[in-house]
N, C-alpha and C. Protein backbone atom coordinates (compact mmCIF):
# COMPACT_ATOMS: atom_id res chain seq x y z
N VAL A 1 97.40 98.69 126.70
CA VAL A 1 98.43 99.32 125.88
C VAL A 1 99.55 99.83 126.77
N GLY A 2 100.78 99.52 126.41
CA GLY A 2 101.92 99.99 127.19
C GLY A 2 103.06 100.42 126.28
N THR A 3 104.04 101.04 126.85
CA THR A 3 105.20 101.48 126.08
C THR A 3 106.48 101.04 126.80
N ALA A 4 107.53 100.98 126.04
CA ALA A 4 108.84 100.63 126.60
C ALA A 4 109.90 101.46 125.90
N THR A 5 110.93 101.82 126.61
CA THR A 5 112.03 102.60 126.05
C THR A 5 113.25 101.71 125.86
N VAL A 6 113.78 101.71 124.65
CA VAL A 6 115.00 100.96 124.34
C VAL A 6 116.08 101.99 123.99
N ARG A 7 117.04 102.12 124.83
CA ARG A 7 118.09 103.11 124.61
C ARG A 7 119.15 102.56 123.66
N ARG A 8 119.52 103.37 122.68
CA ARG A 8 120.53 103.00 121.68
C ARG A 8 120.20 101.64 121.06
N PRO A 9 119.02 101.52 120.44
CA PRO A 9 118.60 100.21 119.92
C PRO A 9 119.42 99.78 118.71
N SER A 10 119.50 98.48 118.54
CA SER A 10 120.04 97.91 117.30
C SER A 10 118.89 97.87 116.30
N LEU A 11 119.03 98.63 115.22
CA LEU A 11 117.94 98.78 114.28
C LEU A 11 117.88 97.63 113.28
N TRP A 12 116.67 97.18 113.02
CA TRP A 12 116.43 96.10 112.06
C TRP A 12 116.50 96.66 110.64
N SER A 13 117.13 95.92 109.76
CA SER A 13 117.19 96.29 108.35
C SER A 13 117.53 95.03 107.55
N PRO A 14 117.37 95.06 106.22
CA PRO A 14 117.77 93.91 105.42
C PRO A 14 119.25 93.55 105.59
N VAL A 15 120.07 94.54 105.84
CA VAL A 15 121.50 94.29 106.02
C VAL A 15 121.78 93.67 107.38
N TYR A 16 121.03 94.11 108.40
CA TYR A 16 121.26 93.63 109.76
C TYR A 16 119.90 93.43 110.43
N PRO A 17 119.30 92.26 110.28
CA PRO A 17 117.96 92.01 110.83
C PRO A 17 117.98 91.74 112.34
N ALA A 18 118.25 92.78 113.11
CA ALA A 18 118.34 92.63 114.56
C ALA A 18 116.96 92.42 115.17
N LEU A 19 116.84 91.39 116.00
CA LEU A 19 115.59 91.09 116.69
C LEU A 19 115.81 91.05 118.19
N TYR A 20 114.81 91.49 118.92
CA TYR A 20 114.82 91.45 120.37
C TYR A 20 113.83 90.40 120.86
N ALA A 21 114.21 89.69 121.92
CA ALA A 21 113.27 88.77 122.57
C ALA A 21 112.22 89.60 123.30
N LEU A 22 110.97 89.26 123.10
CA LEU A 22 109.87 90.01 123.70
C LEU A 22 109.03 89.06 124.54
N ARG A 23 108.77 89.48 125.77
CA ARG A 23 107.95 88.66 126.67
C ARG A 23 106.93 89.55 127.37
N VAL A 24 105.68 89.17 127.25
CA VAL A 24 104.59 89.91 127.88
C VAL A 24 103.83 88.96 128.79
N SER A 25 103.67 89.36 130.05
CA SER A 25 102.99 88.50 131.02
C SER A 25 101.77 89.20 131.60
N ALA A 26 100.76 88.40 131.86
CA ALA A 26 99.55 88.84 132.53
C ALA A 26 99.10 87.69 133.42
N PRO A 27 98.21 87.94 134.35
CA PRO A 27 97.76 86.85 135.23
C PRO A 27 97.32 85.62 134.46
N GLY A 28 98.04 84.53 134.65
CA GLY A 28 97.67 83.26 134.04
C GLY A 28 98.17 83.04 132.63
N VAL A 29 98.90 83.99 132.05
CA VAL A 29 99.34 83.80 130.67
C VAL A 29 100.65 84.55 130.43
N THR A 30 101.50 83.98 129.60
CA THR A 30 102.76 84.62 129.19
C THR A 30 102.90 84.45 127.68
N TRP A 31 103.27 85.53 127.01
CA TRP A 31 103.41 85.51 125.55
C TRP A 31 104.85 85.85 125.20
N ASN A 32 105.48 84.97 124.42
CA ASN A 32 106.86 85.16 124.00
C ASN A 32 106.92 85.34 122.49
N SER A 33 107.74 86.27 122.06
CA SER A 33 107.89 86.50 120.64
C SER A 33 109.23 87.18 120.39
N LYS A 34 109.46 87.54 119.14
CA LYS A 34 110.63 88.33 118.77
C LYS A 34 110.16 89.52 117.97
N SER A 35 110.82 90.64 118.17
CA SER A 35 110.42 91.84 117.46
C SER A 35 111.65 92.70 117.18
N GLY A 36 111.48 93.68 116.31
CA GLY A 36 112.59 94.55 115.95
C GLY A 36 112.17 96.01 115.96
N ILE A 37 113.16 96.86 115.80
CA ILE A 37 112.94 98.31 115.79
C ILE A 37 113.52 98.86 114.50
N ARG A 38 112.71 99.60 113.78
CA ARG A 38 113.19 100.23 112.55
C ARG A 38 112.28 101.42 112.24
N LYS A 39 112.74 102.32 111.38
CA LYS A 39 111.96 103.49 111.02
C LYS A 39 111.83 103.58 109.51
N LEU A 40 110.60 103.65 109.04
CA LEU A 40 110.31 103.82 107.62
C LEU A 40 109.69 105.19 107.41
N ALA A 41 110.05 105.85 106.33
CA ALA A 41 109.49 107.17 106.05
C ALA A 41 109.53 107.42 104.56
N VAL A 42 108.61 108.28 104.10
CA VAL A 42 108.58 108.74 102.72
C VAL A 42 108.68 110.26 102.74
N SER A 43 109.69 110.79 102.05
CA SER A 43 109.90 112.24 102.05
C SER A 43 108.89 112.94 101.16
N ARG A 44 108.88 114.27 101.21
CA ARG A 44 107.98 115.05 100.36
C ARG A 44 108.29 114.85 98.89
N LYS A 45 109.50 114.44 98.59
CA LYS A 45 109.88 114.17 97.20
C LYS A 45 109.58 112.72 96.80
N GLY A 46 109.00 111.97 97.72
CA GLY A 46 108.63 110.61 97.39
C GLY A 46 109.72 109.58 97.57
N ILE A 47 110.75 109.91 98.33
CA ILE A 47 111.87 108.99 98.55
C ILE A 47 111.60 108.15 99.80
N LEU A 48 111.60 106.85 99.64
CA LEU A 48 111.43 105.93 100.76
C LEU A 48 112.76 105.73 101.47
N SER A 49 112.75 105.86 102.79
CA SER A 49 113.98 105.65 103.56
C SER A 49 113.76 104.60 104.63
N ILE A 50 114.84 103.90 104.94
CA ILE A 50 114.86 102.89 106.00
C ILE A 50 115.90 103.32 107.01
N ASN A 51 115.46 103.60 108.22
CA ASN A 51 116.36 104.07 109.27
C ASN A 51 117.18 105.28 108.82
N GLY A 52 116.53 106.16 108.06
CA GLY A 52 117.16 107.40 107.62
C GLY A 52 117.98 107.30 106.36
N LEU A 53 118.11 106.12 105.77
CA LEU A 53 118.89 105.93 104.55
C LEU A 53 117.97 105.58 103.38
N PRO A 54 118.28 106.05 102.17
CA PRO A 54 117.45 105.73 101.01
C PRO A 54 117.31 104.22 100.83
N ALA A 55 116.08 103.78 100.58
CA ALA A 55 115.81 102.35 100.43
C ALA A 55 116.35 101.82 99.11
N GLN A 56 116.90 100.63 99.15
CA GLN A 56 117.33 99.91 97.96
C GLN A 56 116.71 98.52 98.03
N LEU A 57 115.63 98.35 97.31
CA LEU A 57 114.85 97.12 97.42
C LEU A 57 114.89 96.31 96.13
N ARG A 58 114.99 95.00 96.29
CA ARG A 58 114.94 94.06 95.18
C ARG A 58 113.97 92.96 95.60
N GLY A 59 112.88 92.82 94.88
CA GLY A 59 111.85 91.91 95.37
C GLY A 59 111.29 90.98 94.33
N VAL A 60 110.46 90.07 94.81
CA VAL A 60 109.72 89.15 93.94
C VAL A 60 108.28 89.06 94.44
N SER A 61 107.40 88.74 93.51
CA SER A 61 106.00 88.47 93.86
C SER A 61 105.77 86.98 93.67
N PHE A 62 105.05 86.38 94.59
CA PHE A 62 104.81 84.93 94.50
C PHE A 62 103.45 84.62 95.11
N HIS A 63 103.00 83.40 94.92
CA HIS A 63 101.75 82.94 95.52
C HIS A 63 102.06 81.77 96.44
N GLU A 64 101.49 81.80 97.62
CA GLU A 64 101.62 80.66 98.54
C GLU A 64 100.63 79.58 98.08
N SER A 65 100.97 78.93 96.99
CA SER A 65 100.07 77.95 96.40
C SER A 65 100.87 76.87 95.68
N ASP A 66 100.29 75.70 95.63
CA ASP A 66 100.92 74.56 94.97
C ASP A 66 99.83 73.78 94.24
N PRO A 67 100.13 73.23 93.04
CA PRO A 67 99.11 72.50 92.29
C PRO A 67 98.50 71.32 93.06
N VAL A 68 99.25 70.75 93.97
CA VAL A 68 98.77 69.58 94.71
C VAL A 68 98.25 69.94 96.10
N THR A 69 99.05 70.68 96.84
CA THR A 69 98.70 70.96 98.24
C THR A 69 97.97 72.28 98.43
N GLY A 70 97.82 73.05 97.37
CA GLY A 70 97.16 74.34 97.51
C GLY A 70 97.97 75.27 98.39
N ALA A 71 97.29 75.94 99.31
CA ALA A 71 97.96 76.88 100.22
C ALA A 71 98.51 76.19 101.46
N ALA A 72 98.25 74.90 101.60
CA ALA A 72 98.71 74.17 102.79
C ALA A 72 100.13 73.66 102.58
N TRP A 73 101.07 74.59 102.50
CA TRP A 73 102.47 74.22 102.29
C TRP A 73 103.02 73.44 103.48
N SER A 74 103.82 72.43 103.15
CA SER A 74 104.56 71.74 104.21
C SER A 74 105.78 72.58 104.56
N PRO A 75 106.39 72.34 105.72
CA PRO A 75 107.63 73.06 106.06
C PRO A 75 108.71 72.90 104.99
N ALA A 76 108.78 71.71 104.37
CA ALA A 76 109.79 71.48 103.33
C ALA A 76 109.50 72.32 102.09
N GLN A 77 108.24 72.44 101.72
CA GLN A 77 107.89 73.27 100.56
C GLN A 77 108.22 74.74 100.82
N ARG A 78 107.90 75.20 102.02
CA ARG A 78 108.18 76.61 102.34
C ARG A 78 109.68 76.87 102.36
N GLU A 79 110.43 75.95 102.93
CA GLU A 79 111.88 76.13 102.99
C GLU A 79 112.49 76.14 101.58
N ALA A 80 111.99 75.28 100.69
CA ALA A 80 112.50 75.25 99.32
C ALA A 80 112.21 76.57 98.62
N ASN A 81 111.03 77.13 98.84
CA ASN A 81 110.69 78.42 98.24
C ASN A 81 111.54 79.54 98.81
N ASN A 82 111.75 79.49 100.12
CA ASN A 82 112.58 80.52 100.75
C ASN A 82 114.03 80.46 100.26
N GLN A 83 114.52 79.27 99.98
CA GLN A 83 115.87 79.16 99.46
C GLN A 83 116.00 79.78 98.07
N LEU A 84 114.91 79.79 97.31
CA LEU A 84 114.93 80.50 96.03
C LEU A 84 115.11 82.00 96.26
N PHE A 85 114.44 82.54 97.29
CA PHE A 85 114.61 83.95 97.62
C PHE A 85 116.06 84.25 97.99
N VAL A 86 116.65 83.34 98.77
CA VAL A 86 118.05 83.53 99.19
C VAL A 86 118.96 83.54 97.97
N LYS A 87 118.76 82.60 97.04
CA LYS A 87 119.60 82.52 95.85
C LYS A 87 119.46 83.77 94.98
N LEU A 88 118.26 84.31 94.92
CA LEU A 88 118.02 85.51 94.12
C LEU A 88 118.54 86.77 94.80
N GLY A 89 118.77 86.70 96.10
CA GLY A 89 119.27 87.85 96.82
C GLY A 89 118.23 88.93 97.03
N VAL A 90 116.95 88.55 97.16
CA VAL A 90 115.89 89.54 97.32
C VAL A 90 115.83 90.03 98.76
N ASN A 91 115.32 91.25 98.93
CA ASN A 91 115.09 91.75 100.29
C ASN A 91 113.66 92.27 100.46
N MET A 92 112.75 91.85 99.55
CA MET A 92 111.34 92.16 99.68
C MET A 92 110.52 91.10 98.96
N ILE A 93 109.39 90.70 99.55
CA ILE A 93 108.50 89.73 98.91
C ILE A 93 107.05 90.22 99.02
N ARG A 94 106.26 89.82 98.03
CA ARG A 94 104.84 90.19 97.99
C ARG A 94 104.03 89.00 97.52
N THR A 95 102.86 88.81 98.10
CA THR A 95 101.96 87.78 97.65
C THR A 95 100.52 88.21 97.91
N HIS A 96 99.58 87.46 97.32
CA HIS A 96 98.15 87.63 97.61
C HIS A 96 97.80 86.53 98.59
N TYR A 97 97.38 86.79 99.74
CA TYR A 97 97.25 88.09 100.41
C TYR A 97 98.04 87.98 101.68
N PRO A 98 97.58 88.33 102.86
CA PRO A 98 98.45 88.19 104.04
C PRO A 98 99.10 86.80 104.09
N MET A 99 100.40 86.82 104.33
CA MET A 99 101.19 85.59 104.29
C MET A 99 101.01 84.76 105.56
N ALA A 100 101.40 83.50 105.47
CA ALA A 100 101.35 82.62 106.63
C ALA A 100 102.27 83.16 107.72
N PRO A 101 101.92 82.96 108.99
CA PRO A 101 102.80 83.42 110.07
C PRO A 101 104.23 82.90 109.95
N GLN A 102 104.37 81.67 109.47
CA GLN A 102 105.71 81.11 109.31
C GLN A 102 106.54 81.91 108.30
N GLN A 103 105.86 82.42 107.26
CA GLN A 103 106.56 83.21 106.25
C GLN A 103 106.98 84.56 106.83
N MET A 104 106.11 85.14 107.63
CA MET A 104 106.43 86.43 108.26
C MET A 104 107.59 86.27 109.24
N GLU A 105 107.59 85.18 110.00
CA GLU A 105 108.69 84.94 110.94
C GLU A 105 110.01 84.77 110.20
N TRP A 106 109.96 84.06 109.08
CA TRP A 106 111.18 83.89 108.26
C TRP A 106 111.66 85.24 107.76
N ALA A 107 110.74 86.06 107.29
CA ALA A 107 111.12 87.38 106.78
C ALA A 107 111.73 88.25 107.87
N ASP A 108 111.16 88.22 109.05
CA ASP A 108 111.73 88.96 110.18
C ASP A 108 113.17 88.54 110.44
N ALA A 109 113.38 87.22 110.48
CA ALA A 109 114.69 86.69 110.84
C ALA A 109 115.73 86.88 109.75
N HIS A 110 115.31 87.00 108.49
CA HIS A 110 116.25 87.05 107.38
C HIS A 110 116.36 88.44 106.74
N GLY A 111 115.74 89.43 107.34
CA GLY A 111 115.88 90.79 106.80
C GLY A 111 115.21 90.98 105.46
N VAL A 112 114.02 90.42 105.30
CA VAL A 112 113.28 90.53 104.04
C VAL A 112 111.98 91.27 104.31
N PHE A 113 111.80 92.40 103.65
CA PHE A 113 110.57 93.16 103.82
C PHE A 113 109.39 92.42 103.19
N THR A 114 108.20 92.65 103.74
CA THR A 114 106.99 92.05 103.20
C THR A 114 105.98 93.13 102.82
N TRP A 115 105.37 92.94 101.66
CA TRP A 115 104.31 93.83 101.17
C TRP A 115 103.01 93.12 101.51
N VAL A 116 102.35 93.55 102.58
CA VAL A 116 101.20 92.82 103.12
C VAL A 116 99.91 93.44 102.58
N GLN A 117 99.08 92.62 101.97
CA GLN A 117 97.94 93.13 101.22
C GLN A 117 96.61 92.59 101.76
N ALA A 118 95.65 93.49 101.90
CA ALA A 118 94.30 93.09 102.30
C ALA A 118 93.62 92.34 101.15
N PRO A 119 92.72 91.41 101.46
CA PRO A 119 92.04 90.66 100.40
C PRO A 119 90.92 91.47 99.75
N VAL A 120 91.32 92.54 99.07
CA VAL A 120 90.37 93.39 98.34
C VAL A 120 90.83 93.38 96.89
N PHE A 121 90.27 92.47 96.10
CA PHE A 121 90.78 92.17 94.77
C PHE A 121 89.90 92.75 93.67
N ARG A 122 90.49 93.61 92.84
CA ARG A 122 89.84 94.19 91.66
C ARG A 122 88.40 94.66 91.91
N PRO A 123 88.20 95.51 92.91
CA PRO A 123 86.83 96.00 93.15
C PRO A 123 86.34 96.88 92.01
N ARG A 124 85.10 96.66 91.63
CA ARG A 124 84.45 97.45 90.58
C ARG A 124 83.36 98.33 91.20
N ASN A 125 82.85 99.25 90.41
CA ASN A 125 81.85 100.17 90.95
C ASN A 125 80.61 99.44 91.47
N THR A 126 80.22 98.35 90.83
CA THR A 126 79.05 97.61 91.31
C THR A 126 79.25 97.13 92.74
N GLN A 127 80.52 96.90 93.13
CA GLN A 127 80.84 96.52 94.50
C GLN A 127 81.09 97.75 95.38
N LEU A 128 81.88 98.68 94.86
CA LEU A 128 82.28 99.83 95.65
C LEU A 128 81.10 100.71 96.06
N ARG A 129 80.04 100.72 95.25
CA ARG A 129 78.87 101.54 95.59
C ARG A 129 78.12 100.98 96.80
N LYS A 130 78.33 99.72 97.11
CA LYS A 130 77.60 99.07 98.21
C LYS A 130 78.31 99.32 99.53
N SER A 131 77.60 99.90 100.47
CA SER A 131 78.21 100.21 101.77
C SER A 131 78.66 98.95 102.49
N VAL A 132 77.94 97.84 102.30
CA VAL A 132 78.33 96.60 102.97
C VAL A 132 79.68 96.11 102.44
N TYR A 133 79.92 96.28 101.14
CA TYR A 133 81.21 95.90 100.58
C TYR A 133 82.33 96.75 101.17
N ARG A 134 82.10 98.04 101.26
CA ARG A 134 83.12 98.93 101.80
C ARG A 134 83.38 98.63 103.28
N ARG A 135 82.33 98.35 104.04
CA ARG A 135 82.50 98.01 105.45
C ARG A 135 83.32 96.73 105.60
N ASN A 136 83.03 95.74 104.77
CA ASN A 136 83.79 94.49 104.83
C ASN A 136 85.25 94.71 104.48
N ALA A 137 85.51 95.51 103.46
CA ALA A 137 86.89 95.78 103.05
C ALA A 137 87.66 96.48 104.18
N VAL A 138 87.01 97.42 104.84
CA VAL A 138 87.65 98.11 105.96
C VAL A 138 87.89 97.12 107.11
N ALA A 139 86.93 96.24 107.35
CA ALA A 139 87.09 95.24 108.42
C ALA A 139 88.26 94.30 108.11
N TYR A 140 88.37 93.86 106.83
CA TYR A 140 89.50 93.01 106.45
C TYR A 140 90.82 93.74 106.67
N THR A 141 90.85 95.01 106.32
CA THR A 141 92.06 95.81 106.49
C THR A 141 92.42 95.94 107.95
N ARG A 142 91.43 96.23 108.78
CA ARG A 142 91.68 96.38 110.22
C ARG A 142 92.22 95.08 110.83
N GLU A 143 91.62 93.95 110.46
CA GLU A 143 92.07 92.67 111.00
C GLU A 143 93.48 92.34 110.52
N MET A 144 93.80 92.68 109.27
CA MET A 144 95.15 92.46 108.76
C MET A 144 96.19 93.20 109.59
N VAL A 145 95.93 94.47 109.86
CA VAL A 145 96.89 95.27 110.62
C VAL A 145 97.01 94.75 112.04
N LYS A 146 95.89 94.43 112.68
CA LYS A 146 95.93 93.92 114.05
C LYS A 146 96.74 92.63 114.13
N ARG A 147 96.58 91.78 113.12
CA ARG A 147 97.24 90.46 113.16
C ARG A 147 98.72 90.55 112.81
N TYR A 148 99.10 91.46 111.90
CA TYR A 148 100.45 91.44 111.36
C TYR A 148 101.34 92.59 111.82
N ARG A 149 100.84 93.49 112.62
CA ARG A 149 101.66 94.63 113.01
C ARG A 149 102.80 94.25 113.95
N GLU A 150 102.78 93.04 114.49
CA GLU A 150 103.87 92.60 115.35
C GLU A 150 105.14 92.28 114.56
N TYR A 151 105.02 92.13 113.24
CA TYR A 151 106.16 91.72 112.43
C TYR A 151 106.92 92.95 111.93
N VAL A 152 108.18 93.01 112.26
CA VAL A 152 109.00 94.16 111.89
C VAL A 152 109.26 94.22 110.39
N SER A 153 109.11 93.10 109.70
CA SER A 153 109.38 93.05 108.26
C SER A 153 108.30 93.70 107.41
N VAL A 154 107.17 94.11 107.99
CA VAL A 154 106.11 94.73 107.20
C VAL A 154 106.61 96.06 106.64
N LEU A 155 106.69 96.15 105.34
CA LEU A 155 107.08 97.40 104.68
C LEU A 155 105.88 98.32 104.51
N THR A 156 104.75 97.75 104.11
CA THR A 156 103.58 98.58 103.82
C THR A 156 102.31 97.76 103.94
N TRP A 157 101.23 98.47 104.23
CA TRP A 157 99.90 97.87 104.25
C TRP A 157 99.23 98.20 102.91
N SER A 158 99.10 97.21 102.05
CA SER A 158 98.47 97.42 100.75
C SER A 158 96.96 97.25 100.90
N LEU A 159 96.20 98.26 100.50
CA LEU A 159 94.77 98.31 100.78
C LEU A 159 93.91 97.62 99.73
N SER A 160 94.42 97.49 98.51
CA SER A 160 93.64 96.84 97.46
C SER A 160 94.56 96.44 96.33
N ASN A 161 94.05 95.56 95.49
CA ASN A 161 94.83 95.09 94.34
C ASN A 161 94.05 95.32 93.05
N GLU A 162 94.59 96.19 92.20
CA GLU A 162 94.09 96.41 90.85
C GLU A 162 92.60 96.78 90.80
N ALA A 163 92.24 97.81 91.52
CA ALA A 163 90.86 98.31 91.44
C ALA A 163 90.55 98.76 90.02
N VAL A 164 89.33 98.49 89.56
CA VAL A 164 88.96 98.86 88.18
C VAL A 164 87.60 99.58 88.16
N PRO A 165 87.43 100.62 88.98
CA PRO A 165 86.16 101.36 88.94
C PRO A 165 86.09 102.24 87.70
N SER A 166 84.86 102.61 87.30
CA SER A 166 84.67 103.47 86.14
C SER A 166 84.65 104.95 86.50
N ASP A 167 84.64 105.25 87.81
CA ASP A 167 84.77 106.63 88.25
C ASP A 167 85.64 106.65 89.50
N THR A 168 85.79 107.78 90.12
CA THR A 168 86.75 107.90 91.22
C THR A 168 86.10 107.98 92.60
N LYS A 169 84.80 108.25 92.66
CA LYS A 169 84.17 108.60 93.93
C LYS A 169 84.26 107.51 94.99
N TYR A 170 83.81 106.31 94.65
CA TYR A 170 83.66 105.29 95.69
C TYR A 170 84.98 104.64 96.07
N LEU A 171 85.89 104.53 95.13
CA LEU A 171 87.22 104.04 95.50
C LEU A 171 87.89 105.03 96.45
N ASP A 172 87.69 106.31 96.22
CA ASP A 172 88.25 107.32 97.10
C ASP A 172 87.64 107.21 98.50
N ILE A 173 86.34 106.98 98.58
CA ILE A 173 85.68 106.81 99.87
C ILE A 173 86.24 105.61 100.61
N LEU A 174 86.36 104.49 99.89
CA LEU A 174 86.88 103.27 100.52
C LEU A 174 88.32 103.44 100.97
N THR A 175 89.17 103.96 100.08
CA THR A 175 90.58 104.12 100.42
C THR A 175 90.76 105.03 101.63
N THR A 176 90.00 106.11 101.68
CA THR A 176 90.09 107.03 102.82
C THR A 176 89.71 106.32 104.11
N ALA A 177 88.66 105.50 104.08
CA ALA A 177 88.24 104.77 105.27
C ALA A 177 89.29 103.72 105.68
N GLN A 178 89.90 103.07 104.69
CA GLN A 178 90.94 102.08 104.99
C GLN A 178 92.16 102.74 105.62
N ILE A 179 92.56 103.89 105.08
CA ILE A 179 93.71 104.60 105.63
C ILE A 179 93.44 104.99 107.08
N LYS A 180 92.24 105.48 107.35
CA LYS A 180 91.88 105.88 108.72
C LYS A 180 91.96 104.69 109.67
N ALA A 181 91.43 103.55 109.25
CA ALA A 181 91.46 102.36 110.09
C ALA A 181 92.89 101.87 110.32
N THR A 182 93.72 101.94 109.27
CA THR A 182 95.11 101.50 109.38
C THR A 182 95.91 102.39 110.31
N LYS A 183 95.79 103.69 110.13
CA LYS A 183 96.56 104.64 110.93
C LYS A 183 96.14 104.62 112.40
N ALA A 184 94.89 104.26 112.68
CA ALA A 184 94.44 104.16 114.06
C ALA A 184 95.17 103.04 114.79
N LEU A 185 95.54 101.99 114.07
CA LEU A 185 96.22 100.85 114.66
C LEU A 185 97.73 100.92 114.53
N ASP A 186 98.21 101.55 113.47
CA ASP A 186 99.65 101.65 113.21
C ASP A 186 99.94 103.05 112.66
N PRO A 187 100.03 104.05 113.55
CA PRO A 187 100.17 105.44 113.10
C PRO A 187 101.36 105.70 112.19
N GLN A 188 102.45 104.96 112.38
CA GLN A 188 103.65 105.18 111.58
C GLN A 188 103.74 104.25 110.38
N GLY A 189 102.77 103.37 110.22
CA GLY A 189 102.81 102.43 109.11
C GLY A 189 102.58 103.11 107.77
N LEU A 190 103.18 102.58 106.73
CA LEU A 190 103.02 103.11 105.38
C LEU A 190 101.86 102.40 104.69
N VAL A 191 101.04 103.16 103.97
CA VAL A 191 99.90 102.59 103.26
C VAL A 191 100.15 102.63 101.76
N SER A 192 99.58 101.66 101.06
CA SER A 192 99.83 101.54 99.63
C SER A 192 98.63 100.88 98.95
N ALA A 193 98.74 100.72 97.65
CA ALA A 193 97.79 99.94 96.86
C ALA A 193 98.52 99.45 95.63
N ASP A 194 97.98 98.44 95.01
CA ASP A 194 98.56 97.91 93.77
C ASP A 194 97.67 98.30 92.60
N TYR A 195 98.31 98.79 91.55
CA TYR A 195 97.61 99.47 90.45
C TYR A 195 98.06 98.85 89.13
N ALA A 196 97.11 98.37 88.33
CA ALA A 196 97.45 97.73 87.06
C ALA A 196 97.44 98.75 85.94
N ALA A 197 98.53 99.48 85.81
CA ALA A 197 98.64 100.49 84.77
C ALA A 197 100.04 101.06 84.78
N ALA A 198 100.29 102.01 83.89
CA ALA A 198 101.56 102.71 83.87
C ALA A 198 101.48 103.93 84.79
N PRO A 199 102.61 104.36 85.36
CA PRO A 199 102.58 105.47 86.32
C PRO A 199 102.12 106.79 85.72
N ASN A 200 102.17 106.93 84.38
CA ASN A 200 101.74 108.19 83.76
C ASN A 200 100.32 108.11 83.21
N ASP A 201 99.58 107.08 83.63
CA ASP A 201 98.20 106.91 83.18
C ASP A 201 97.36 108.11 83.60
N ASP A 202 96.67 108.73 82.62
CA ASP A 202 95.90 109.94 82.95
C ASP A 202 94.61 109.63 83.69
N LYS A 203 94.30 108.35 83.87
CA LYS A 203 93.11 107.98 84.64
C LYS A 203 93.47 107.54 86.07
N GLN A 204 94.66 107.84 86.48
CA GLN A 204 95.10 107.46 87.83
C GLN A 204 94.14 108.01 88.88
N GLN A 205 93.78 107.16 89.80
CA GLN A 205 92.75 107.52 90.77
C GLN A 205 93.24 108.56 91.78
N PRO A 206 92.41 109.58 92.07
CA PRO A 206 92.79 110.55 93.11
C PRO A 206 93.05 109.89 94.45
N ALA A 207 92.38 108.76 94.70
CA ALA A 207 92.58 108.06 95.97
C ALA A 207 94.03 107.67 96.16
N TYR A 208 94.72 107.36 95.07
CA TYR A 208 96.10 106.90 95.18
C TYR A 208 97.05 108.01 95.64
N ARG A 209 96.66 109.25 95.45
CA ARG A 209 97.53 110.36 95.88
C ARG A 209 97.59 110.47 97.40
N LYS A 210 96.71 109.78 98.09
CA LYS A 210 96.70 109.79 99.55
C LYS A 210 97.63 108.72 100.13
N LEU A 211 98.19 107.89 99.27
CA LEU A 211 99.02 106.76 99.72
C LEU A 211 100.47 107.17 99.87
N ASP A 212 101.20 106.37 100.66
CA ASP A 212 102.65 106.57 100.79
C ASP A 212 103.39 105.91 99.64
N ILE A 213 102.87 104.76 99.17
CA ILE A 213 103.53 103.96 98.14
C ILE A 213 102.48 103.49 97.15
N LEU A 214 102.83 103.46 95.87
CA LEU A 214 101.94 102.92 94.86
C LEU A 214 102.67 101.81 94.11
N GLY A 215 102.09 100.62 94.14
CA GLY A 215 102.67 99.51 93.41
C GLY A 215 102.11 99.46 92.00
N ILE A 216 102.98 99.43 90.99
CA ILE A 216 102.57 99.41 89.59
C ILE A 216 102.73 97.99 89.05
N ASN A 217 101.60 97.34 88.75
CA ASN A 217 101.64 96.00 88.17
C ASN A 217 101.63 96.13 86.65
N GLU A 218 102.69 95.68 86.01
CA GLU A 218 102.78 95.71 84.56
C GLU A 218 102.90 94.29 84.04
N TYR A 219 102.14 93.97 82.99
CA TYR A 219 102.13 92.62 82.43
C TYR A 219 102.59 92.64 80.99
């Protein structure tokens, strides 16, 4: 683990997606990539800011899937889909689940935030009560953060999608463990979850109050 100081950095944002060339060398190996610098924060009043300015996000949700090729998109298919994002003028995208590296690289280069989600889909109490299920979910979350934290376009780490437990205990236990694992790897990263309900639902899970962002899925 090392640190570097960048004086007067050019900050990455949807308006100006500034990227720096990054090169890391060790005996016998050299790693080249591109990365950016930006600051995300949520105020006590719940206002999301990007580099100190209130966020203005316009996004779409999509699936990296095709009736014929499945998830194995060709470069031409991915480019055609990305051009739809450009035409729509979006600056945030979300899909199930962690996106292909090529998609993340495109988002970095084009100033498009990504909502990156762990593969924890609609967990129920029959699953959440099992310690092995919770351990696996935390492991998936940890691997997601380790793999994708290099991308500056990551807006938030989404811990689960549309949990449907009949009580609050075990989802709270899982979410707390996921947050701990995420913050250990990305202390400044924002954590979230996707919730299939209205924001004023009186059954809203206490676990969600520990999050920085809550995604509301309405159908």
